[in-house]
Protein backbone atom coordinates (compact mmCIF):
# COMPACT_ATOMS: atom_id res chain seq x y z
CA UNK A 1 3.17 3.96 27.74
CA UNK A 2 0.58 1.39 26.75
CA UNK A 3 -1.67 1.66 23.68
CA UNK A 4 -5.03 -0.09 23.53
CA UNK A 5 -6.94 -0.42 20.27
CA UNK A 6 -10.70 -0.34 20.85
CA UNK A 7 -11.74 0.27 17.22
CA UNK A 8 -9.64 -0.12 14.07
CA UNK A 9 -12.03 -0.06 11.06
CA UNK A 10 -12.49 2.89 8.76
CA UNK A 11 -15.61 4.59 7.38
CA UNK A 12 -18.17 2.06 8.60
CA UNK A 13 -18.51 -0.39 11.47
CA UNK A 14 -18.87 -3.99 10.29
CA UNK A 15 -19.77 -7.35 11.85
CA UNK A 16 -18.75 -10.89 11.02
CA UNK A 17 -21.37 -12.70 8.92
CA UNK A 18 -22.52 -16.21 9.68
CA UNK A 19 -20.82 -17.49 6.53
CA UNK A 20 -17.49 -15.99 7.63
CA UNK A 21 -17.70 -17.67 11.03
CA UNK A 22 -18.60 -20.93 9.30
CA UNK A 23 -15.54 -20.65 7.08
CA UNK A 24 -13.32 -20.16 10.13
CA UNK A 25 -14.78 -23.20 11.89
CA UNK A 26 -14.40 -25.34 8.78
CA UNK A 27 -10.77 -24.25 8.35
CA UNK A 28 -10.07 -25.02 12.01
CA UNK A 29 -11.56 -28.51 11.70
CA UNK A 30 -9.44 -29.23 8.65
CA UNK A 31 -6.32 -28.03 10.49
CA UNK A 32 -7.15 -30.26 13.49
CA UNK A 33 -6.96 -33.35 11.22
CA UNK A 34 -9.26 -35.46 13.38
CA UNK A 35 -7.66 -34.56 16.70
CA UNK A 36 -9.85 -34.68 19.79
CA UNK A 37 -9.58 -32.35 22.78
CA UNK A 38 -10.32 -33.06 26.40
CA UNK A 39 -11.94 -29.68 27.02
CA UNK A 40 -12.35 -26.16 25.68
CA UNK A 41 -9.07 -25.02 27.23
CA UNK A 42 -7.13 -27.70 25.33
CA UNK A 43 -8.92 -26.86 22.09
CA UNK A 44 -8.19 -23.17 22.59
CA UNK A 45 -4.51 -23.88 23.21
CA UNK A 46 -4.41 -25.76 19.91
CA UNK A 47 -6.13 -22.90 18.09
CA UNK A 48 -3.77 -20.28 19.50
CA UNK A 49 -0.65 -22.24 18.64
CA UNK A 50 -1.61 -23.91 15.35
CA UNK A 51 -4.06 -21.63 13.54
CA UNK A 52 -3.29 -18.34 11.83
CA UNK A 53 -4.86 -15.19 13.26
CA UNK A 54 -7.44 -14.80 10.47
CA UNK A 55 -8.81 -18.28 11.29
CA UNK A 56 -8.58 -18.20 15.07
CA UNK A 57 -9.37 -14.53 15.68
CA UNK A 58 -10.67 -11.41 13.96
CA UNK A 59 -9.42 -7.91 13.30
CA UNK A 60 -12.78 -6.65 14.49
CA UNK A 61 -15.30 -4.23 13.13
CA UNK A 62 -15.53 -1.18 15.41
CA UNK A 63 -14.51 2.22 14.05
CA UNK A 64 -11.62 4.35 15.25
CA UNK A 65 -10.92 4.56 18.96
CA UNK A 66 -7.44 4.22 20.50
CA UNK A 67 -6.40 4.70 24.12
CA UNK A 68 -2.93 5.91 25.04
CA UNK A 69 -2.19 5.07 28.66
CA UNK A 70 0.53 7.14 30.31
CA UNK A 71 1.23 7.50 34.01
CA UNK A 72 -0.81 5.72 36.66
CA UNK A 73 -4.40 5.56 37.87
CA UNK A 74 -4.14 9.11 39.17
CA UNK A 75 -3.58 10.40 35.63
CA UNK A 76 -6.27 11.14 33.08
CA UNK A 77 -7.45 8.82 30.34
CA UNK A 78 -6.19 9.76 26.85
CA UNK A 79 -8.41 8.73 23.95
CA UNK A 80 -8.02 9.25 20.20
CA UNK A 81 -11.31 9.53 18.31
CA UNK A 82 -14.87 8.69 19.28
CA UNK A 83 -15.72 5.90 16.83
CA UNK A 84 -17.94 2.95 17.70
CA UNK A 85 -15.05 1.34 19.59
CA UNK A 86 -15.59 4.04 22.23
CA UNK A 87 -18.48 2.09 23.72
CA UNK A 88 -16.24 -0.79 24.81
CA UNK A 89 -13.58 1.62 26.05
CA UNK A 90 -16.18 3.46 28.14
CA UNK A 91 -17.39 0.29 29.82
CA UNK A 92 -13.82 -0.79 30.58
CA UNK A 93 -12.91 2.69 31.86
CA UNK A 94 -15.87 2.74 34.24
CA UNK A 95 -14.59 -0.49 35.74
CA UNK A 96 -11.16 1.05 36.23
CA UNK A 97 -12.72 4.15 37.77
CA UNK A 98 -14.58 1.95 40.26
CA UNK A 99 -11.15 0.65 41.31
CA UNK A 100 -9.77 4.16 41.81
CA UNK A 101 -8.76 5.56 38.40
CA UNK A 102 -9.21 9.31 37.92
CA UNK A 103 -12.51 10.17 36.18
CA UNK A 104 -10.89 12.59 33.73
CA UNK A 105 -10.92 11.95 29.98
CA UNK A 106 -8.88 13.84 27.39
CA UNK A 107 -10.22 13.10 23.90
CA UNK A 108 -8.30 14.01 20.73
CA UNK A 109 -10.37 14.15 17.54
CA UNK A 110 -8.73 13.57 14.18
CA UNK A 111 -11.78 15.05 12.43
CA UNK A 112 -15.56 15.16 12.58
CA UNK A 113 -16.70 12.57 10.04
CA UNK A 114 -19.39 10.29 11.37
CA UNK A 115 -17.30 7.14 11.78
CA UNK A 116 -15.02 9.05 14.17
CA UNK A 117 -17.72 10.50 16.43
CA UNK A 118 -20.58 7.96 16.27
CA UNK A 119 -19.56 6.27 19.52
CA UNK A 120 -20.03 9.38 21.65
CA UNK A 121 -23.79 8.94 22.34
CA UNK A 122 -22.98 5.46 23.71
CA UNK A 123 -20.04 6.57 25.88
CA UNK A 124 -21.17 5.69 29.42
CA UNK A 125 -18.80 8.10 31.27
CA UNK A 126 -20.67 11.13 29.83
CA UNK A 127 -23.58 10.12 32.07
CA UNK A 128 -21.34 10.17 35.17
CA UNK A 129 -21.74 13.51 37.02
CA UNK A 130 -18.32 12.98 38.63
CA UNK A 131 -16.56 12.69 35.25
CA UNK A 132 -14.71 15.42 33.38
CA UNK A 133 -14.46 15.06 29.58
CA UNK A 134 -12.24 17.47 27.64
CA UNK A 135 -12.55 17.19 23.85
CA UNK A 136 -9.50 18.51 22.00
CA UNK A 137 -9.55 19.17 18.27
CA UNK A 138 -8.13 21.36 15.56
CA UNK A 139 -11.73 22.03 14.49
CA UNK A 140 -13.55 24.94 16.17
CA UNK A 141 -16.86 23.32 15.14
CA UNK A 142 -16.31 20.07 17.08
CA UNK A 143 -19.04 20.88 19.60
CA UNK A 144 -21.48 21.60 16.77
CA UNK A 145 -20.80 18.18 15.24
CA UNK A 146 -21.33 16.28 18.49
CA UNK A 147 -24.47 18.20 19.39
CA UNK A 148 -25.92 17.77 15.90
CA UNK A 149 -25.75 13.98 15.95
CA UNK A 150 -27.80 13.97 19.18
CA UNK A 151 -30.60 16.16 17.91
CA UNK A 152 -34.03 14.55 18.19
CA UNK A 153 -34.25 13.69 14.49
CA UNK A 154 -31.13 11.49 14.83
CA UNK A 155 -30.95 10.27 18.44
CA UNK A 156 -33.33 10.05 21.42
CA UNK A 157 -30.89 11.38 24.04
CA UNK A 158 -30.10 15.08 23.71
CA UNK A 159 -26.56 16.35 24.29
CA UNK A 160 -27.82 18.59 27.11
CA UNK A 161 -29.04 15.54 29.02
CA UNK A 162 -25.47 14.33 29.51
CA UNK A 163 -24.28 14.76 33.08
CA UNK A 164 -20.49 14.82 32.90
CA UNK A 165 -18.58 18.10 32.85
CA UNK A 166 -17.92 18.31 29.08
CA UNK A 167 -15.73 21.01 27.58
CA UNK A 168 -14.17 21.70 24.19
CA UNK A 169 -10.67 22.98 23.43
CA UNK A 170 -9.40 24.02 20.01
CA UNK A 171 -5.69 23.26 19.55
CA UNK A 172 -3.27 24.90 17.14
CA UNK A 173 -0.63 23.33 14.92
CA UNK A 174 2.91 24.18 16.04
CA UNK A 175 2.12 24.36 19.76
CA UNK A 176 3.13 21.77 22.35
CA UNK A 177 0.52 21.15 25.02
CA UNK A 178 1.26 19.50 28.41
CA UNK A 179 -1.85 17.39 29.05
CA UNK A 180 -1.95 14.81 31.80
CA UNK A 181 1.20 12.69 31.77
CA UNK A 182 2.14 13.57 28.17
CA UNK A 183 3.03 16.45 25.87
CA UNK A 184 0.83 16.67 22.78
CA UNK A 185 1.61 18.06 19.33
CA UNK A 186 -0.71 18.28 16.33
CA UNK A 187 -0.22 18.22 12.55
CA UNK A 188 -2.64 19.15 9.75
CA UNK A 189 -3.43 16.28 7.38
CA UNK A 190 -4.73 15.76 3.83
CA UNK A 191 -8.44 14.94 4.15
CA UNK A 192 -11.89 16.41 3.46
CA UNK A 193 -12.71 19.18 5.99
CA UNK A 194 -9.14 18.63 7.22
CA UNK A 195 -8.01 16.08 9.75
CA UNK A 196 -5.30 16.27 12.39
CA UNK A 197 -2.67 13.84 13.61
CA UNK A 198 -1.29 13.82 17.14
CA UNK A 199 2.01 12.96 18.77
CA UNK A 200 2.05 11.98 22.45
CA UNK A 201 5.40 12.08 24.28
CA UNK A 202 5.85 11.00 27.89
CA UNK A 203 8.38 12.13 30.50
CA UNK A 204 10.77 9.33 29.50
CA UNK A 205 10.82 10.51 25.87
CA UNK A 206 8.70 7.64 24.50
CA UNK A 207 6.38 8.78 21.72
CA UNK A 208 3.22 7.56 19.96
CA UNK A 209 1.79 9.10 16.79
CA UNK A 210 -1.90 8.76 15.93
CA UNK A 211 -2.32 9.69 12.26
CA UNK A 212 -5.45 8.52 10.49
CA UNK A 213 -7.55 9.83 7.61
CA UNK A 214 -4.65 11.41 5.78
CA UNK A 215 -3.84 10.81 2.13
CA UNK A 216 -0.14 10.45 1.31
CA UNK A 217 0.50 9.95 -2.41
CA UNK A 218 3.41 7.81 -3.56
CA UNK A 219 4.07 10.10 -6.54
CA UNK A 220 4.27 13.17 -4.28
CA UNK A 221 6.46 11.94 -1.44
CA UNK A 222 8.67 15.02 -1.69
CA UNK A 223 5.73 16.94 -0.22
CA UNK A 224 5.68 14.77 2.91
CA UNK A 225 8.64 16.36 4.69
CA UNK A 226 6.45 17.61 7.53
CA UNK A 227 5.20 14.09 8.22
CA UNK A 228 8.67 12.59 8.14
CA UNK A 229 9.65 15.12 10.81
CA UNK A 230 6.48 14.47 12.82
CA UNK A 231 7.03 10.68 12.72
CA UNK A 232 10.76 11.08 13.34
CA UNK A 233 12.19 8.46 15.69
CA UNK A 234 8.72 7.63 16.99
CA UNK A 235 8.32 4.45 19.04
CA UNK A 236 4.91 3.67 17.51
CA UNK A 237 3.19 5.23 14.49
CA UNK A 238 -0.51 4.40 14.13
CA UNK A 239 -1.13 5.21 10.49
CA UNK A 240 -4.02 5.21 8.03
CA UNK A 241 -3.41 2.25 5.69
CA UNK A 242 -6.97 1.79 4.51
CA UNK A 243 -6.20 0.76 0.94
CA UNK A 244 -3.79 -1.33 -1.03
CA UNK A 245 -1.40 0.72 -3.17
CA UNK A 246 -3.33 -0.26 -6.30
CA UNK A 247 -6.61 1.03 -4.87
CA UNK A 248 -5.06 4.22 -3.50
CA UNK A 249 -3.71 5.31 -6.88
CA UNK A 250 -6.65 4.24 -9.03
CA UNK A 251 -10.35 4.19 -8.21
CA UNK A 252 -9.93 5.55 -4.67
CA UNK A 253 -7.45 8.33 -5.31
CA UNK A 254 -8.41 11.59 -3.53
CA UNK A 255 -10.67 9.74 -1.11
CA UNK A 256 -8.49 10.93 1.78
CA UNK A 257 -6.76 7.70 2.77
CA UNK A 258 -3.38 6.03 2.34
CA UNK A 259 -1.83 2.64 1.65
CA UNK A 260 0.40 0.28 3.60
CA UNK A 261 3.25 0.87 1.13
CA UNK A 262 3.30 4.64 1.58
CA UNK A 263 3.08 4.32 5.37
CA UNK A 264 6.13 2.05 5.39
CA UNK A 265 8.05 4.45 3.14
CA UNK A 266 7.26 7.37 5.46
CA UNK A 267 8.21 5.42 8.59
CA UNK A 268 11.46 4.23 7.01
CA UNK A 269 12.44 7.78 6.12
CA UNK A 270 11.45 8.95 9.60
CA UNK A 271 13.37 6.07 11.24
CA UNK A 272 10.32 5.18 13.31
CA UNK A 273 10.54 1.97 15.33
CA UNK A 274 7.08 0.44 14.88
CA UNK A 275 4.14 0.93 12.54
CA UNK A 276 0.57 -0.15 13.23
CA UNK A 277 -1.59 -0.59 10.11
CA UNK A 278 -4.91 1.08 10.94
CA UNK A 279 -8.32 2.30 9.70
CA UNK A 280 -9.01 -0.92 7.81
CA UNK A 281 -11.25 -0.92 4.73
CA UNK A 282 -14.68 -2.25 5.85
CA UNK A 283 -14.98 -4.58 2.83
CA UNK A 284 -11.70 -6.36 3.65
CA UNK A 285 -12.11 -9.75 5.31
CA UNK A 286 -9.84 -11.06 8.06
CA UNK A 287 -8.01 -13.06 5.39
CA UNK A 288 -7.57 -9.90 3.29
CA UNK A 289 -6.13 -7.97 6.24
CA UNK A 290 -3.82 -10.81 7.20
CA UNK A 291 -2.55 -10.98 3.62
CA UNK A 292 -1.97 -7.20 3.59
CA UNK A 293 -0.06 -7.51 6.86
CA UNK A 294 2.16 -10.26 5.48
CA UNK A 295 2.78 -8.30 2.28
CA UNK A 296 3.63 -5.24 4.36
CA UNK A 297 6.21 -7.15 6.38
CA UNK A 298 7.79 -8.42 3.18
CA UNK A 299 7.80 -4.95 1.60
CA UNK A 300 9.45 -3.51 4.71
CA UNK A 301 12.19 -6.14 4.50
CA UNK A 302 12.81 -5.48 0.80
CA UNK A 303 13.00 -1.69 1.15
CA UNK A 304 14.82 -1.47 4.49
CA UNK A 305 18.08 0.48 4.39
CA UNK A 306 18.87 1.01 8.08
CA UNK A 307 17.22 -0.26 11.28
CA UNK A 308 14.23 -2.59 10.90
CA UNK A 309 10.69 -1.25 11.20
CA UNK A 310 8.35 -3.59 13.04
CA UNK A 311 4.99 -3.71 11.25
CA UNK A 312 1.90 -4.57 13.30
CA UNK A 313 -1.66 -4.92 12.06
CA UNK A 314 -4.02 -3.30 14.54
CA UNK A 315 -7.13 -5.18 15.63
CA UNK A 316 -9.88 -4.47 18.13
CA UNK A 317 -8.43 -5.56 21.49
CA UNK A 318 -4.74 -5.30 20.60
CA UNK A 319 -2.54 -3.91 23.42
CA UNK A 320 0.94 -2.60 22.63
CA UNK A 321 3.57 -1.70 25.23
CA UNK A 322 5.67 1.29 24.18
């Protein structure tokens, strides 16, 4: 399988400010120490090899949208959540469809909060009459939520104007569903109005877990047995790590999100192979996220008891082979 991250922020889409870009350019000039470059390609090679990610790149600002690619072009698209990152995915998918990819989309919704559905009105494939879009959720009111955000008071294009064949399917916890090239399982999570995590397993036994907007508390880890089992042996766990541990147990407790520390503890106990930090706090800068990533790697090393857990920090545009 291949996992593509199209949106990785939580709660609110954000954009880089002019001052932030200026800081990156200034830091790059200092790092260059007066060097000159023959062309843009040479300068880019320097940046990629000599600058840290927070200076050279960005973690991005689009809200939750992750693609899980399994099978070939004849198989359906698999998409987790409909955040603002969905717009870029839709444009890319249309290009792949023009080259022969099946025009079938299976969407899996974690929950119905705005940051996880706001990309749907801008999803180009829903205007394609040859496309089939199946929206899977543990919420029987998923259709209501998507229709409501396209009512005239909120958006100029009504849901009924969309031309794709759109259907809704309510899934149940404890059932395994063969969908496209994968088998899908769902778990109920700790969040307002409930959220659901998903596990995708392909024919070769490779597995990816998408688990965002779930609050795991470090002082109640004995209650997380179900998640340890759900994450068990997984090749990649995409996990809500919105807050630092300090934030998650103080002023933002009971806000429905988790920390990097708790995610690592869960993945260690589950003997998962890789963890992707996800659903980044919108007020965190690139430097903040890079620092959290580095601290997470160090914490994993200090608490490791068996096989190592690789810790990634998801960013808009990241592609991970599973």
